[in-house]
């Protein structure tokens, strides 16, 4: 699970300041952390289909945020996906 300390680290890394949890970059980073956690969870619990549905919803939300960021500010989009190591 995403601990309070890890969430603060992600906000510091991607946010404008320490209390910036609403910007698109921070939201994408936090969702990515949750996706990575759930991906590891499914390696152990292969039949957890209820959580898998939640993972798919998270991925969809992250995709919508990234599409918005791509339209709005392409340079930030490229920066975020390179820093998060997503989209090969």
N, C-alpha and C. Protein backbone atom coordinates (compact mmCIF):
# COMPACT_ATOMS: atom_id res chain seq x y z
N UNK A 1 0.84 -1.18 0.00
CA UNK A 1 0.00 0.00 0.00
C UNK A 1 0.88 1.24 0.00
N UNK A 2 0.33 2.33 -0.42
CA UNK A 2 1.05 3.59 -0.50
C UNK A 2 1.08 4.22 0.90
N UNK A 3 2.27 4.25 1.51
CA UNK A 3 2.38 4.79 2.85
C UNK A 3 2.41 6.32 2.81
N UNK A 4 2.21 6.91 3.96
CA UNK A 4 2.19 8.37 4.06
C UNK A 4 3.55 8.94 3.67
N UNK A 5 4.61 8.27 4.10
CA UNK A 5 5.96 8.75 3.78
C UNK A 5 6.24 8.69 2.29
N UNK A 6 5.84 7.60 1.65
CA UNK A 6 6.06 7.45 0.21
C UNK A 6 5.24 8.48 -0.57
N UNK A 7 4.02 8.73 -0.11
CA UNK A 7 3.18 9.73 -0.76
C UNK A 7 3.83 11.11 -0.66
N UNK A 8 4.39 11.44 0.50
CA UNK A 8 5.06 12.72 0.67
C UNK A 8 6.28 12.84 -0.24
N UNK A 9 7.02 11.74 -0.40
CA UNK A 9 8.17 11.74 -1.31
C UNK A 9 7.74 12.01 -2.75
N UNK A 10 6.67 11.36 -3.18
CA UNK A 10 6.18 11.54 -4.55
C UNK A 10 5.71 12.97 -4.76
N UNK A 11 5.03 13.53 -3.77
CA UNK A 11 4.54 14.91 -3.88
C UNK A 11 5.72 15.87 -3.95
N UNK A 12 6.76 15.64 -3.15
CA UNK A 12 7.94 16.50 -3.20
C UNK A 12 8.63 16.41 -4.55
N UNK A 13 8.68 15.21 -5.11
CA UNK A 13 9.39 15.00 -6.38
C UNK A 13 8.64 15.60 -7.57
N UNK A 14 7.32 15.47 -7.59
CA UNK A 14 6.54 15.88 -8.77
C UNK A 14 5.76 17.17 -8.58
N UNK A 15 5.56 17.60 -7.34
CA UNK A 15 4.75 18.79 -7.11
C UNK A 15 5.55 20.08 -7.13
N UNK A 16 4.81 21.18 -7.19
CA UNK A 16 5.43 22.50 -7.16
C UNK A 16 5.93 22.79 -5.76
N UNK A 17 5.13 22.42 -4.74
CA UNK A 17 5.55 22.55 -3.35
C UNK A 17 5.09 21.31 -2.59
N UNK A 18 5.31 21.30 -1.28
CA UNK A 18 5.02 20.09 -0.49
C UNK A 18 3.53 19.82 -0.32
N UNK A 19 2.69 20.81 -0.53
CA UNK A 19 1.25 20.63 -0.36
C UNK A 19 0.52 20.50 -1.69
N UNK A 20 1.24 20.39 -2.78
CA UNK A 20 0.65 20.32 -4.11
C UNK A 20 0.27 18.88 -4.44
N UNK A 21 -0.96 18.50 -4.07
CA UNK A 21 -1.40 17.14 -4.35
C UNK A 21 -2.41 17.10 -5.48
N UNK A 22 -2.78 18.26 -6.01
CA UNK A 22 -3.83 18.30 -7.00
C UNK A 22 -3.36 18.43 -8.43
N UNK A 23 -2.09 18.73 -8.63
CA UNK A 23 -1.63 18.91 -10.01
C UNK A 23 -1.64 17.58 -10.75
N UNK A 24 -1.77 17.66 -12.03
CA UNK A 24 -1.87 16.46 -12.86
C UNK A 24 -0.62 15.58 -12.70
N UNK A 25 0.56 16.20 -12.64
CA UNK A 25 1.80 15.42 -12.53
C UNK A 25 1.81 14.59 -11.25
N UNK A 26 1.38 15.20 -10.14
CA UNK A 26 1.37 14.49 -8.86
C UNK A 26 0.33 13.39 -8.88
N UNK A 27 -0.84 13.67 -9.44
CA UNK A 27 -1.88 12.65 -9.48
C UNK A 27 -1.46 11.45 -10.32
N UNK A 28 -0.82 11.70 -11.45
CA UNK A 28 -0.34 10.61 -12.30
C UNK A 28 0.73 9.80 -11.55
N UNK A 29 1.61 10.48 -10.84
CA UNK A 29 2.67 9.79 -10.11
C UNK A 29 2.09 8.93 -8.98
N UNK A 30 1.11 9.45 -8.26
CA UNK A 30 0.49 8.68 -7.18
C UNK A 30 -0.26 7.47 -7.71
N UNK A 31 -0.97 7.65 -8.80
CA UNK A 31 -1.69 6.52 -9.41
C UNK A 31 -0.69 5.48 -9.89
N UNK A 32 0.43 5.92 -10.45
CA UNK A 32 1.45 4.99 -10.92
C UNK A 32 2.02 4.17 -9.77
N UNK A 33 2.22 4.80 -8.62
CA UNK A 33 2.70 4.07 -7.45
C UNK A 33 1.69 2.99 -7.03
N UNK A 34 0.40 3.33 -7.05
CA UNK A 34 -0.63 2.35 -6.71
C UNK A 34 -0.69 1.23 -7.73
N UNK A 35 -0.52 1.56 -9.01
CA UNK A 35 -0.53 0.54 -10.07
C UNK A 35 0.64 -0.43 -9.86
N UNK A 36 1.80 0.10 -9.55
CA UNK A 36 2.97 -0.76 -9.31
C UNK A 36 2.76 -1.67 -8.12
N UNK A 37 2.16 -1.15 -7.05
CA UNK A 37 1.87 -1.97 -5.88
C UNK A 37 0.91 -3.10 -6.25
N UNK A 38 -0.17 -2.76 -6.96
CA UNK A 38 -1.15 -3.78 -7.32
C UNK A 38 -0.58 -4.80 -8.28
N UNK A 39 0.32 -4.39 -9.15
CA UNK A 39 0.95 -5.33 -10.08
C UNK A 39 1.75 -6.38 -9.31
N UNK A 40 2.47 -5.94 -8.29
CA UNK A 40 3.21 -6.89 -7.45
C UNK A 40 2.24 -7.78 -6.66
N UNK A 41 1.14 -7.21 -6.21
CA UNK A 41 0.12 -7.95 -5.46
C UNK A 41 -0.43 -9.11 -6.30
N UNK A 42 -0.63 -8.85 -7.61
CA UNK A 42 -1.22 -9.88 -8.47
C UNK A 42 -0.24 -10.99 -8.81
N UNK A 43 1.04 -10.77 -8.61
CA UNK A 43 2.00 -11.85 -8.83
C UNK A 43 1.82 -12.93 -7.78
N UNK A 44 1.35 -12.54 -6.59
CA UNK A 44 1.11 -13.50 -5.51
C UNK A 44 -0.34 -13.98 -5.52
N UNK A 45 -1.27 -13.05 -5.71
CA UNK A 45 -2.70 -13.36 -5.63
C UNK A 45 -3.31 -13.30 -7.03
N UNK A 46 -3.15 -14.37 -7.77
CA UNK A 46 -3.55 -14.39 -9.17
C UNK A 46 -5.07 -14.34 -9.37
N UNK A 47 -5.83 -14.79 -8.39
CA UNK A 47 -7.29 -14.87 -8.57
C UNK A 47 -8.05 -13.73 -7.90
N UNK A 48 -7.38 -12.67 -7.55
CA UNK A 48 -8.02 -11.52 -6.91
C UNK A 48 -8.64 -10.63 -7.98
N UNK A 49 -9.79 -11.04 -8.48
CA UNK A 49 -10.41 -10.36 -9.60
C UNK A 49 -11.07 -9.04 -9.19
N UNK A 50 -11.47 -8.91 -7.94
CA UNK A 50 -12.07 -7.66 -7.50
C UNK A 50 -11.04 -6.54 -7.50
N UNK A 51 -9.85 -6.82 -7.02
CA UNK A 51 -8.79 -5.81 -7.04
C UNK A 51 -8.31 -5.55 -8.46
N UNK A 52 -8.39 -6.56 -9.30
CA UNK A 52 -7.98 -6.37 -10.70
C UNK A 52 -8.89 -5.35 -11.40
N UNK A 53 -10.16 -5.37 -11.06
CA UNK A 53 -11.07 -4.38 -11.63
C UNK A 53 -10.67 -2.97 -11.17
N UNK A 54 -10.30 -2.85 -9.91
CA UNK A 54 -9.83 -1.56 -9.40
C UNK A 54 -8.57 -1.10 -10.10
N UNK A 55 -7.68 -2.05 -10.40
CA UNK A 55 -6.46 -1.73 -11.14
C UNK A 55 -6.79 -1.20 -12.53
N UNK A 56 -7.73 -1.83 -13.20
CA UNK A 56 -8.10 -1.38 -14.54
C UNK A 56 -8.73 0.02 -14.51
N UNK A 57 -9.50 0.30 -13.45
CA UNK A 57 -10.07 1.64 -13.31
C UNK A 57 -8.97 2.67 -13.07
N UNK A 58 -7.97 2.31 -12.27
CA UNK A 58 -6.84 3.22 -12.02
C UNK A 58 -6.08 3.50 -13.31
N UNK A 59 -5.85 2.47 -14.08
CA UNK A 59 -5.12 2.64 -15.34
C UNK A 59 -5.90 3.54 -16.28
N UNK A 60 -7.21 3.39 -16.31
CA UNK A 60 -8.04 4.26 -17.14
C UNK A 60 -7.99 5.71 -16.69
N UNK A 61 -8.02 5.92 -15.38
CA UNK A 61 -7.94 7.28 -14.86
C UNK A 61 -6.59 7.91 -15.19
N UNK A 62 -5.53 7.11 -15.03
CA UNK A 62 -4.19 7.62 -15.35
C UNK A 62 -4.08 7.94 -16.84
N UNK A 63 -4.67 7.12 -17.70
CA UNK A 63 -4.64 7.37 -19.13
C UNK A 63 -5.35 8.68 -19.47
N UNK A 64 -6.50 8.94 -18.82
CA UNK A 64 -7.22 10.19 -19.06
C UNK A 64 -6.40 11.39 -18.62
N UNK A 65 -5.75 11.30 -17.47
CA UNK A 65 -4.89 12.39 -17.01
C UNK A 65 -3.74 12.63 -17.98
N UNK A 66 -3.14 11.55 -18.46
CA UNK A 66 -2.01 11.69 -19.39
C UNK A 66 -2.47 12.27 -20.73
N UNK A 67 -3.64 11.88 -21.19
CA UNK A 67 -4.16 12.46 -22.44
C UNK A 67 -4.40 13.95 -22.28
N UNK A 68 -4.93 14.36 -21.14
CA UNK A 68 -5.15 15.78 -20.88
C UNK A 68 -3.81 16.51 -20.86
N UNK A 69 -2.83 15.96 -20.16
CA UNK A 69 -1.53 16.59 -20.07
C UNK A 69 -0.85 16.67 -21.44
N UNK A 70 -1.06 15.65 -22.25
CA UNK A 70 -0.48 15.64 -23.60
C UNK A 70 -1.07 16.76 -24.45
N UNK A 71 -2.38 16.98 -24.34
CA UNK A 71 -3.02 18.07 -25.08
C UNK A 71 -2.62 19.43 -24.54
N UNK A 72 -2.55 19.55 -23.22
CA UNK A 72 -2.34 20.84 -22.57
C UNK A 72 -0.89 21.31 -22.61
N UNK A 73 0.04 20.40 -22.27
CA UNK A 73 1.45 20.78 -22.20
C UNK A 73 2.30 19.56 -22.57
N UNK A 74 2.67 19.46 -23.83
CA UNK A 74 3.35 18.27 -24.33
C UNK A 74 4.71 18.06 -23.67
N UNK A 75 5.41 19.14 -23.37
CA UNK A 75 6.73 19.01 -22.75
C UNK A 75 6.63 18.41 -21.35
N UNK A 76 5.64 18.84 -20.56
CA UNK A 76 5.44 18.25 -19.23
C UNK A 76 5.05 16.79 -19.35
N UNK A 77 4.24 16.48 -20.36
CA UNK A 77 3.83 15.09 -20.61
C UNK A 77 5.05 14.21 -20.83
N UNK A 78 5.94 14.65 -21.72
CA UNK A 78 7.15 13.88 -22.00
C UNK A 78 8.01 13.74 -20.76
N UNK A 79 8.11 14.80 -19.96
CA UNK A 79 8.90 14.77 -18.74
C UNK A 79 8.33 13.77 -17.73
N UNK A 80 7.01 13.80 -17.56
CA UNK A 80 6.37 12.92 -16.58
C UNK A 80 6.53 11.45 -16.98
N UNK A 81 6.27 11.12 -18.23
CA UNK A 81 6.37 9.71 -18.62
C UNK A 81 7.81 9.22 -18.59
N UNK A 82 8.77 10.09 -18.83
CA UNK A 82 10.17 9.65 -18.75
C UNK A 82 10.60 9.47 -17.30
N UNK A 83 10.14 10.35 -16.40
CA UNK A 83 10.51 10.23 -15.00
C UNK A 83 9.84 9.05 -14.31
N UNK A 84 8.65 8.67 -14.78
CA UNK A 84 7.93 7.54 -14.19
C UNK A 84 8.25 6.22 -14.87
N UNK A 85 8.96 6.27 -15.99
CA UNK A 85 9.31 5.06 -16.75
C UNK A 85 8.06 4.30 -17.18
N UNK A 86 7.11 5.03 -17.76
CA UNK A 86 5.92 4.39 -18.31
C UNK A 86 5.88 4.68 -19.81
N UNK A 87 5.13 3.88 -20.54
CA UNK A 87 4.98 4.01 -21.99
C UNK A 87 6.31 3.95 -22.69
N UNK A 88 6.79 2.74 -22.88
CA UNK A 88 8.05 2.43 -23.51
C UNK A 88 8.48 3.27 -24.59
